[in-house]
Amino acid sequence: MWYPVGVVAIFAFVQYLEANVIFPKIVAQLNVSTWATLVAIIAGGILWGVSGMILFIPFIGILKIVLDYIPEARAFNILLERDSTKRGK
């Protein structure tokens, strides 16, 4: 009886940490727009199905990080970023 309770407790604790601590910190640093995320989910679903819908979100985050360091790709970076006040940077 205690083994299933322990497993549920561990899963609940890990889910709490992931949803309330880890995910908000990572997503806040990436600053990817909702529209870009939605397009990535739809494109991933069309190309690779459900696994593409899951995998294209990190791909869009990686693309955003790479485009942050390429001055010539500033136009694409503006499309991907959430905060429009950074455009004059």
PDB file of N, CA and C in Angstrom:
ATOM      1  N   MET A   1       0.814  -1.195   0.000  1.00  0.00           N
ATOM      2  CA  MET A   1       0.000   0.000   0.000  1.00  0.00           C
ATOM      3  C   MET A   1       0.863   1.267   0.000  1.00  0.00           C
ATOM      4  N   TRP A   2       2.010   1.227   0.705  1.00  0.00           N
ATOM      5  CA  TRP A   2       2.811   2.437   0.804  1.00  0.00           C
ATOM      6  C   TRP A   2       3.629   2.719  -0.455  1.00  0.00           C
ATOM      7  N   TYR A   3       3.946   1.700  -1.233  1.00  0.00           N
ATOM      8  CA  TYR A   3       4.706   1.920  -2.459  1.00  0.00           C
ATOM      9  C   TYR A   3       3.941   2.774  -3.469  1.00  0.00           C
ATOM     10  N   PRO A   4       2.680   2.485  -3.767  1.00  0.00           N
ATOM     11  CA  PRO A   4       1.946   3.359  -4.688  1.00  0.00           C
ATOM     12  C   PRO A   4       1.784   4.779  -4.145  1.00  0.00           C
ATOM     13  N   VAL A   5       1.588   4.919  -2.851  1.00  0.00           N
ATOM     14  CA  VAL A   5       1.460   6.254  -2.255  1.00  0.00           C
ATOM     15  C   VAL A   5       2.774   7.014  -2.401  1.00  0.00           C
ATOM     16  N   GLY A   6       3.893   6.330  -2.194  1.00  0.00           N
ATOM     17  CA  GLY A   6       5.200   6.961  -2.356  1.00  0.00           C
ATOM     18  C   GLY A   6       5.465   7.390  -3.790  1.00  0.00           C
ATOM     19  N   VAL A   7       5.084   6.540  -4.739  1.00  0.00           N
ATOM     20  CA  VAL A   7       5.275   6.873  -6.155  1.00  0.00           C
ATOM     21  C   VAL A   7       4.432   8.090  -6.530  1.00  0.00           C
ATOM     22  N   VAL A   8       3.189   8.122  -6.090  1.00  0.00           N
ATOM     23  CA  VAL A   8       2.317   9.269  -6.379  1.00  0.00           C
ATOM     24  C   VAL A   8       2.867  10.528  -5.731  1.00  0.00           C
ATOM     25  N   ALA A   9       3.375  10.417  -4.505  1.00  0.00           N
ATOM     26  CA  ALA A   9       3.934  11.588  -3.823  1.00  0.00           C
ATOM     27  C   ALA A   9       5.164  12.120  -4.547  1.00  0.00           C
ATOM     28  N   ILE A  10       6.024  11.226  -5.009  1.00  0.00           N
ATOM     29  CA  ILE A  10       7.224  11.664  -5.734  1.00  0.00           C
ATOM     30  C   ILE A  10       6.841  12.314  -7.056  1.00  0.00           C
ATOM     31  N   PHE A  11       5.910  11.700  -7.791  1.00  0.00           N
ATOM     32  CA  PHE A  11       5.461  12.301  -9.048  1.00  0.00           C
ATOM     33  C   PHE A  11       4.810  13.655  -8.816  1.00  0.00           C
ATOM     34  N   ALA A  12       4.023  13.792  -7.774  1.00  0.00           N
ATOM     35  CA  ALA A  12       3.379  15.071  -7.467  1.00  0.00           C
ATOM     36  C   ALA A  12       4.417  16.138  -7.135  1.00  0.00           C
ATOM     37  N   PHE A  13       5.442  15.772  -6.365  1.00  0.00           N
ATOM     38  CA  PHE A  13       6.496  16.717  -6.011  1.00  0.00           C
ATOM     39  C   PHE A  13       7.293  17.158  -7.243  1.00  0.00           C
ATOM     40  N   VAL A  14       7.655  16.214  -8.099  1.00  0.00           N
ATOM     41  CA  VAL A  14       8.405  16.547  -9.313  1.00  0.00           C
ATOM     42  C   VAL A  14       7.558  17.408 -10.249  1.00  0.00           C
ATOM     43  N   GLN A  15       6.288  17.097 -10.379  1.00  0.00           N
ATOM     44  CA  GLN A  15       5.397  17.896 -11.219  1.00  0.00           C
ATOM     45  C   GLN A  15       5.267  19.311 -10.680  1.00  0.00           C
ATOM     46  N   TYR A  16       5.163  19.437  -9.360  1.00  0.00           N
ATOM     47  CA  TYR A  16       5.079  20.764  -8.742  1.00  0.00           C
ATOM     48  C   TYR A  16       6.336  21.572  -9.033  1.00  0.00           C
ATOM     49  N   LEU A  17       7.507  20.959  -8.855  1.00  0.00           N
ATOM     50  CA  LEU A  17       8.759  21.659  -9.141  1.00  0.00           C
ATOM     51  C   LEU A  17       8.857  22.063 -10.600  1.00  0.00           C
ATOM     52  N   GLU A  18       8.500  21.147 -11.492  1.00  0.00           N
ATOM     53  CA  GLU A  18       8.604  21.436 -12.923  1.00  0.00           C
ATOM     54  C   GLU A  18       7.652  22.554 -13.334  1.00  0.00           C
ATOM     55  N   ALA A  19       6.430  22.525 -12.850  1.00  0.00           N
ATOM     56  CA  ALA A  19       5.427  23.496 -13.282  1.00  0.00           C
ATOM     57  C   ALA A  19       5.589  24.859 -12.625  1.00  0.00           C
ATOM     58  N   ASN A  20       6.080  24.905 -11.402  1.00  0.00           N
ATOM     59  CA  ASN A  20       6.101  26.168 -10.671  1.00  0.00           C
ATOM     60  C   ASN A  20       7.487  26.770 -10.475  1.00  0.00           C
ATOM     61  N   VAL A  21       8.533  26.001 -10.703  1.00  0.00           N
ATOM     62  CA  VAL A  21       9.874  26.527 -10.486  1.00  0.00           C
ATOM     63  C   VAL A  21      10.695  26.498 -11.774  1.00  0.00           C
ATOM     64  N   ILE A  22      10.854  25.326 -12.356  1.00  0.00           N
ATOM     65  CA  ILE A  22      11.759  25.166 -13.492  1.00  0.00           C
ATOM     66  C   ILE A  22      11.195  25.804 -14.760  1.00  0.00           C
ATOM     67  N   PHE A  23       9.985  25.454 -15.137  1.00  0.00           N
ATOM     68  CA  PHE A  23       9.400  25.927 -16.397  1.00  0.00           C
ATOM     69  C   PHE A  23       9.270  27.450 -16.458  1.00  0.00           C
ATOM     70  N   PRO A  24       8.751  28.124 -15.426  1.00  0.00           N
ATOM     71  CA  PRO A  24       8.662  29.595 -15.524  1.00  0.00           C
ATOM     72  C   PRO A  24      10.010  30.283 -15.660  1.00  0.00           C
ATOM     73  N   LYS A  25      11.040  29.774 -15.008  1.00  0.00           N
ATOM     74  CA  LYS A  25      12.356  30.400 -15.121  1.00  0.00           C
ATOM     75  C   LYS A  25      12.937  30.236 -16.524  1.00  0.00           C
ATOM     76  N   ILE A  26      12.790  29.068 -17.113  1.00  0.00           N
ATOM     77  CA  ILE A  26      13.336  28.814 -18.449  1.00  0.00           C
ATOM     78  C   ILE A  26      12.554  29.588 -19.502  1.00  0.00           C
ATOM     79  N   VAL A  27      11.244  29.558 -19.439  1.00  0.00           N
ATOM     80  CA  VAL A  27      10.414  30.240 -20.439  1.00  0.00           C
ATOM     81  C   VAL A  27      10.567  31.751 -20.333  1.00  0.00           C
ATOM     82  N   ALA A  28      10.731  32.273 -19.142  1.00  0.00           N
ATOM     83  CA  ALA A  28      10.908  33.721 -18.977  1.00  0.00           C
ATOM     84  C   ALA A  28      12.226  34.181 -19.591  1.00  0.00           C
ATOM     85  N   GLN A  29      13.239  33.353 -19.563  1.00  0.00           N
ATOM     86  CA  GLN A  29      14.522  33.728 -20.155  1.00  0.00           C
ATOM     87  C   GLN A  29      14.498  33.663 -21.675  1.00  0.00           C
ATOM     88  N   LEU A  30      13.748  32.744 -22.227  1.00  0.00           N
ATOM     89  CA  LEU A  30      13.716  32.602 -23.688  1.00  0.00           C
ATOM     90  C   LEU A  30      12.967  33.737 -24.350  1.00  0.00           C
ATOM     91  N   ASN A  31      11.862  34.171 -23.779  1.00  0.00           N
ATOM     92  CA  ASN A  31      11.073  35.287 -24.294  1.00  0.00           C
ATOM     93  C   ASN A  31      10.558  35.018 -25.711  1.00  0.00           C
ATOM     94  N   VAL A  32      10.080  33.809 -25.967  1.00  0.00           N
ATOM     95  CA  VAL A  32       9.534  33.433 -27.269  1.00  0.00           C
ATOM     96  C   VAL A  32       8.051  33.810 -27.297  1.00  0.00           C
ATOM     97  N   SER A  33       7.615  34.388 -28.401  1.00  0.00           N
ATOM     98  CA  SER A  33       6.230  34.841 -28.498  1.00  0.00           C
ATOM     99  C   SER A  33       5.252  33.670 -28.577  1.00  0.00           C
ATOM    100  N   THR A  34       4.042  33.944 -28.172  1.00  0.00           N
ATOM    101  CA  THR A  34       2.994  32.933 -28.213  1.00  0.00           C
ATOM    102  C   THR A  34       2.679  32.540 -29.648  1.00  0.00           C
ATOM    103  N   TRP A  35       2.687  33.505 -30.544  1.00  0.00           N
ATOM    104  CA  TRP A  35       2.400  33.227 -31.950  1.00  0.00           C
ATOM    105  C   TRP A  35       3.452  32.283 -32.547  1.00  0.00           C
ATOM    106  N   ALA A  36       4.737  32.518 -32.237  1.00  0.00           N
ATOM    107  CA  ALA A  36       5.794  31.649 -32.751  1.00  0.00           C
ATOM    108  C   ALA A  36       5.656  30.237 -32.180  1.00  0.00           C
ATOM    109  N   THR A  37       5.269  30.134 -30.915  1.00  0.00           N
ATOM    110  CA  THR A  37       5.065  28.825 -30.305  1.00  0.00           C
ATOM    111  C   THR A  37       3.905  28.092 -30.959  1.00  0.00           C
ATOM    112  N   LEU A  38       2.828  28.799 -31.228  1.00  0.00           N
ATOM    113  CA  LEU A  38       1.665  28.194 -31.875  1.00  0.00           C
ATOM    114  C   LEU A  38       2.009  27.724 -33.286  1.00  0.00           C
ATOM    115  N   VAL A  39       2.733  28.530 -34.031  1.00  0.00           N
ATOM    116  CA  VAL A  39       3.148  28.137 -35.378  1.00  0.00           C
ATOM    117  C   VAL A  39       4.070  26.922 -35.317  1.00  0.00           C
ATOM    118  N   ALA A  40       4.962  26.877 -34.323  1.00  0.00           N
ATOM    119  CA  ALA A  40       5.852  25.728 -34.176  1.00  0.00           C
ATOM    120  C   ALA A  40       5.070  24.466 -33.849  1.00  0.00           C
ATOM    121  N   ILE A  41       4.055  24.564 -33.010  1.00  0.00           N
ATOM    122  CA  ILE A  41       3.237  23.396 -32.671  1.00  0.00           C
ATOM    123  C   ILE A  41       2.483  22.893 -33.899  1.00  0.00           C
ATOM    124  N   ILE A  42       1.910  23.797 -34.659  1.00  0.00           N
ATOM    125  CA  ILE A  42       1.158  23.398 -35.856  1.00  0.00           C
ATOM    126  C   ILE A  42       2.105  22.792 -36.909  1.00  0.00           C
ATOM    127  N   ALA A  43       3.251  23.442 -37.135  1.00  0.00           N
ATOM    128  CA  ALA A  43       4.207  22.916 -38.117  1.00  0.00           C
ATOM    129  C   ALA A  43       4.754  21.568 -37.668  1.00  0.00           C
ATOM    130  N   GLY A  44       5.035  21.437 -36.388  1.00  0.00           N
ATOM    131  CA  GLY A  44       5.512  20.150 -35.877  1.00  0.00           C
ATOM    132  C   GLY A  44       4.470  19.059 -36.014  1.00  0.00           C
ATOM    133  N   GLY A  45       3.198  19.412 -35.793  1.00  0.00           N
ATOM    134  CA  GLY A  45       2.127  18.437 -35.964  1.00  0.00           C
ATOM    135  C   GLY A  45       1.956  18.009 -37.406  1.00  0.00           C
ATOM    136  N   ILE A  46       2.121  18.941 -38.325  1.00  0.00           N
ATOM    137  CA  ILE A  46       1.991  18.610 -39.742  1.00  0.00           C
ATOM    138  C   ILE A  46       3.162  17.741 -40.204  1.00  0.00           C
ATOM    139  N   LEU A  47       4.373  18.095 -39.772  1.00  0.00           N
ATOM    140  CA  LEU A  47       5.554  17.383 -40.258  1.00  0.00           C
ATOM    141  C   LEU A  47       5.787  16.052 -39.559  1.00  0.00           C
ATOM    142  N   TRP A  48       5.722  16.022 -38.215  1.00  0.00           N
ATOM    143  CA  TRP A  48       6.104  14.827 -37.480  1.00  0.00           C
ATOM    144  C   TRP A  48       5.006  14.288 -36.579  1.00  0.00           C
ATOM    145  N   GLY A  49       3.841  14.857 -36.597  1.00  0.00           N
ATOM    146  CA  GLY A  49       2.756  14.367 -35.747  1.00  0.00           C
ATOM    147  C   GLY A  49       2.898  14.849 -34.311  1.00  0.00           C
ATOM    148  N   VAL A  50       2.451  14.034 -33.382  1.00  0.00           N
ATOM    149  CA  VAL A  50       2.450  14.423 -31.975  1.00  0.00           C
ATOM    150  C   VAL A  50       3.869  14.635 -31.457  1.00  0.00           C
ATOM    151  N   SER A  51       4.809  13.811 -31.861  1.00  0.00           N
ATOM    152  CA  SER A  51       6.193  14.002 -31.418  1.00  0.00           C
ATOM    153  C   SER A  51       6.766  15.315 -31.937  1.00  0.00           C
ATOM    154  N   GLY A  52       6.387  15.722 -33.138  1.00  0.00           N
ATOM    155  CA  GLY A  52       6.820  17.014 -33.670  1.00  0.00           C
ATOM    156  C   GLY A  52       6.228  18.177 -32.903  1.00  0.00           C
ATOM    157  N   MET A  53       4.983  18.012 -32.444  1.00  0.00           N
ATOM    158  CA  MET A  53       4.367  19.071 -31.647  1.00  0.00           C
ATOM    159  C   MET A  53       5.127  19.290 -30.346  1.00  0.00           C
ATOM    160  N   ILE A  54       5.670  18.236 -29.804  1.00  0.00           N
ATOM    161  CA  ILE A  54       6.432  18.344 -28.560  1.00  0.00           C
ATOM    162  C   ILE A  54       7.851  18.848 -28.834  1.00  0.00           C
ATOM    163  N   LEU A  55       8.481  18.360 -29.899  1.00  0.00           N
ATOM    164  CA  LEU A  55       9.877  18.678 -30.155  1.00  0.00           C
ATOM    165  C   LEU A  55      10.102  20.041 -30.790  1.00  0.00           C
ATOM    166  N   PHE A  56       9.124  20.583 -31.488  1.00  0.00           N
ATOM    167  CA  PHE A  56       9.348  21.853 -32.161  1.00  0.00           C
ATOM    168  C   PHE A  56       9.370  23.037 -31.200  1.00  0.00           C
ATOM    169  N   ILE A  57       8.825  22.899 -30.011  1.00  0.00           N
ATOM    170  CA  ILE A  57       8.883  24.004 -29.042  1.00  0.00           C
ATOM    171  C   ILE A  57      10.321  24.230 -28.580  1.00  0.00           C
ATOM    172  N   PRO A  58      11.083  23.195 -28.199  1.00  0.00           N
ATOM    173  CA  PRO A  58      12.501  23.450 -27.901  1.00  0.00           C
ATOM    174  C   PRO A  58      13.291  23.910 -29.123  1.00  0.00           C
ATOM    175  N   PHE A  59      12.916  23.427 -30.307  1.00  0.00           N
ATOM    176  CA  PHE A  59      13.603  23.869 -31.516  1.00  0.00           C
ATOM    177  C   PHE A  59      13.428  25.371 -31.716  1.00  0.00           C
ATOM    178  N   ILE A  60      12.247  25.881 -31.482  1.00  0.00           N
ATOM    179  CA  ILE A  60      12.005  27.316 -31.650  1.00  0.00           C
ATOM    180  C   ILE A  60      12.766  28.108 -30.588  1.00  0.00           C
ATOM    181  N   GLY A  61      12.905  27.536 -29.390  1.00  0.00           N
ATOM    182  CA  GLY A  61      13.709  28.187 -28.358  1.00  0.00           C
ATOM    183  C   GLY A  61      15.181  28.237 -28.737  1.00  0.00           C
ATOM    184  N   ILE A  62      15.694  27.142 -29.285  1.00  0.00           N
ATOM    185  CA  ILE A  62      17.085  27.099 -29.733  1.00  0.00           C
ATOM    186  C   ILE A  62      17.289  28.085 -30.878  1.00  0.00           C
ATOM    187  N   LEU A  63      16.343  28.145 -31.801  1.00  0.00           N
ATOM    188  CA  LEU A  63      16.434  29.095 -32.909  1.00  0.00           C
ATOM    189  C   LEU A  63      16.460  30.527 -32.399  1.00  0.00           C
ATOM    190  N   LYS A  64      15.653  30.823 -31.402  1.00  0.00           N
ATOM    191  CA  LYS A  64      15.618  32.173 -30.818  1.00  0.00           C
ATOM    192  C   LYS A  64      16.958  32.525 -30.184  1.00  0.00           C
ATOM    193  N   ILE A  65      17.570  31.594 -29.477  1.00  0.00           N
ATOM    194  CA  ILE A  65      18.866  31.838 -28.843  1.00  0.00           C
ATOM    195  C   ILE A  65      19.942  32.071 -29.904  1.00  0.00           C
ATOM    196  N   VAL A  66      19.935  31.280 -30.962  1.00  0.00           N
ATOM    197  CA  VAL A  66      20.922  31.448 -32.027  1.00  0.00           C
ATOM    198  C   VAL A  66      20.735  32.790 -32.728  1.00  0.00           C
ATOM    199  N   LEU A  67      19.491  33.167 -33.000  1.00  0.00           N
ATOM    200  CA  LEU A  67      19.234  34.431 -33.698  1.00  0.00           C
ATOM    201  C   LEU A  67      19.542  35.649 -32.847  1.00  0.00           C
ATOM    202  N   ASP A  68      19.593  35.491 -31.526  1.00  0.00           N
ATOM    203  CA  ASP A  68      19.976  36.601 -30.657  1.00  0.00           C
ATOM    204  C   ASP A  68      21.413  37.048 -30.925  1.00  0.00           C
ATOM    205  N   TYR A  69      22.265  36.148 -31.383  1.00  0.00           N
ATOM    206  CA  TYR A  69      23.680  36.448 -31.586  1.00  0.00           C
ATOM    207  C   TYR A  69      24.038  36.753 -33.033  1.00  0.00           C
ATOM    208  N   ILE A  70      23.069  36.776 -33.925  1.00  0.00           N
ATOM    209  CA  ILE A  70      23.339  37.073 -35.331  1.00  0.00           C
ATOM    210  C   ILE A  70      22.675  38.407 -35.671  1.00  0.00           C
ATOM    211  N   PRO A  71      23.463  39.473 -35.843  1.00  0.00           N
ATOM    212  CA  PRO A  71      22.866  40.791 -36.114  1.00  0.00           C
ATOM    213  C   PRO A  71      22.085  40.845 -37.430  1.00  0.00           C
ATOM    214  N   GLU A  72      22.500  40.067 -38.424  1.00  0.00           N
ATOM    215  CA  GLU A  72      21.805  40.091 -39.707  1.00  0.00           C
ATOM    216  C   GLU A  72      20.421  39.451 -39.629  1.00  0.00           C
ATOM    217  N   ALA A  73      20.172  38.646 -38.618  1.00  0.00           N
ATOM    218  CA  ALA A  73      18.891  37.951 -38.478  1.00  0.00           C
ATOM    219  C   ALA A  73      17.960  38.669 -37.509  1.00  0.00           C
ATOM    220  N   ARG A  74      18.162  39.965 -37.317  1.00  0.00           N
ATOM    221  CA  ARG A  74      17.354  40.726 -36.363  1.00  0.00           C
ATOM    222  C   ARG A  74      15.870  40.728 -36.748  1.00  0.00           C
ATOM    223  N   ALA A  75      15.567  40.718 -38.038  1.00  0.00           N
ATOM    224  CA  ALA A  75      14.162  40.708 -38.465  1.00  0.00           C
ATOM    225  C   ALA A  75      13.454  39.431 -38.021  1.00  0.00           C
ATOM    226  N   PHE A  76      14.122  38.302 -38.140  1.00  0.00           N
ATOM    227  CA  PHE A  76      13.524  37.040 -37.687  1.00  0.00           C
ATOM    228  C   PHE A  76      13.415  37.000 -36.167  1.00  0.00           C
ATOM    229  N   ASN A  77      14.388  37.598 -35.497  1.00  0.00           N
ATOM    230  CA  ASN A  77      14.362  37.628 -34.047  1.00  0.00           C
ATOM    231  C   ASN A  77      13.200  38.469 -33.532  1.00  0.00           C
ATOM    232  N   ILE A  78      12.869  39.542 -34.236  1.00  0.00           N
ATOM    233  CA  ILE A  78      11.716  40.375 -33.851  1.00  0.00           C
ATOM    234  C   ILE A  78      10.431  39.561 -33.970  1.00  0.00           C
ATOM    235  N   LEU A  79      10.338  38.708 -34.979  1.00  0.00           N
ATOM    236  CA  LEU A  79       9.152  37.866 -35.136  1.00  0.00           C
ATOM    237  C   LEU A  79       9.024  36.838 -34.012  1.00  0.00           C
ATOM    238  N   LEU A  80      10.152  36.392 -33.472  1.00  0.00           N
ATOM    239  CA  LEU A  80      10.131  35.346 -32.459  1.00  0.00           C
ATOM    240  C   LEU A  80      10.013  35.875 -31.032  1.00  0.00           C
ATOM    241  N   GLU A  81      10.382  37.126 -30.790  1.00  0.00           N
ATOM    242  CA  GLU A  81      10.409  37.587 -29.406  1.00  0.00           C
ATOM    243  C   GLU A  81       9.047  38.085 -28.946  1.00  0.00           C
ATOM    244  N   ARG A  82       8.825  37.953 -27.661  1.00  0.00           N
ATOM    245  CA  ARG A  82       7.550  38.317 -27.058  1.00  0.00           C
ATOM    246  C   ARG A  82       7.467  39.805 -26.772  1.00  0.00           C
ATOM    247  N   ASP A  83       8.523  40.410 -26.258  1.00  0.00           N
ATOM    248  CA  ASP A  83       8.501  41.788 -25.800  1.00  0.00           C
ATOM    249  C   ASP A  83       8.875  42.705 -26.957  1.00  0.00           C
ATOM    250  N   SER A  84       7.976  43.584 -27.334  1.00  0.00           N
ATOM    251  CA  SER A  84       8.239  44.478 -28.459  1.00  0.00           C
ATOM    252  C   SER A  84       9.020  45.721 -28.038  1.00  0.00           C
ATOM    253  N   THR A  85       9.248  45.934 -26.750  1.00  0.00           N
ATOM    254  CA  THR A  85       9.995  47.120 -26.307  1.00  0.00           C
ATOM    255  C   THR A  85      11.479  46.963 -26.529  1.00  0.00           C
ATOM    256  N   LYS A  86      11.968  45.763 -26.806  1.00  0.00           N
ATOM    257  CA  LYS A  86      13.382  45.536 -27.020  1.00  0.00           C
ATOM    258  C   LYS A  86      13.804  45.813 -28.460  1.00  0.00           C
ATOM    259  N   ARG A  87      12.898  46.272 -29.301  1.00  0.00           N
ATOM    260  CA  ARG A  87      13.219  46.459 -30.713  1.00  0.00           C
ATOM    261  C   ARG A  87      14.238  47.558 -30.938  1.00  0.00           C
ATOM    262  N   GLY A  88      14.257  48.542 -30.097  1.00  0.00           N
ATOM    263  CA  GLY A  88      15.209  49.631 -30.279  1.00  0.00           C
ATOM    264  C   GLY A  88      16.582  49.316 -29.730  1.00  0.00           C
ATOM    265  N   LYS A  89      16.819  48.135 -29.305  1.00  0.00           N
ATOM    266  CA  LYS A  89      18.060  47.730 -28.673  1.00  0.00           C
ATOM    267  C   LYS A  89      19.206  47.660 -29.644  1.00  0.00           C
TER     268      LYS A  89
END
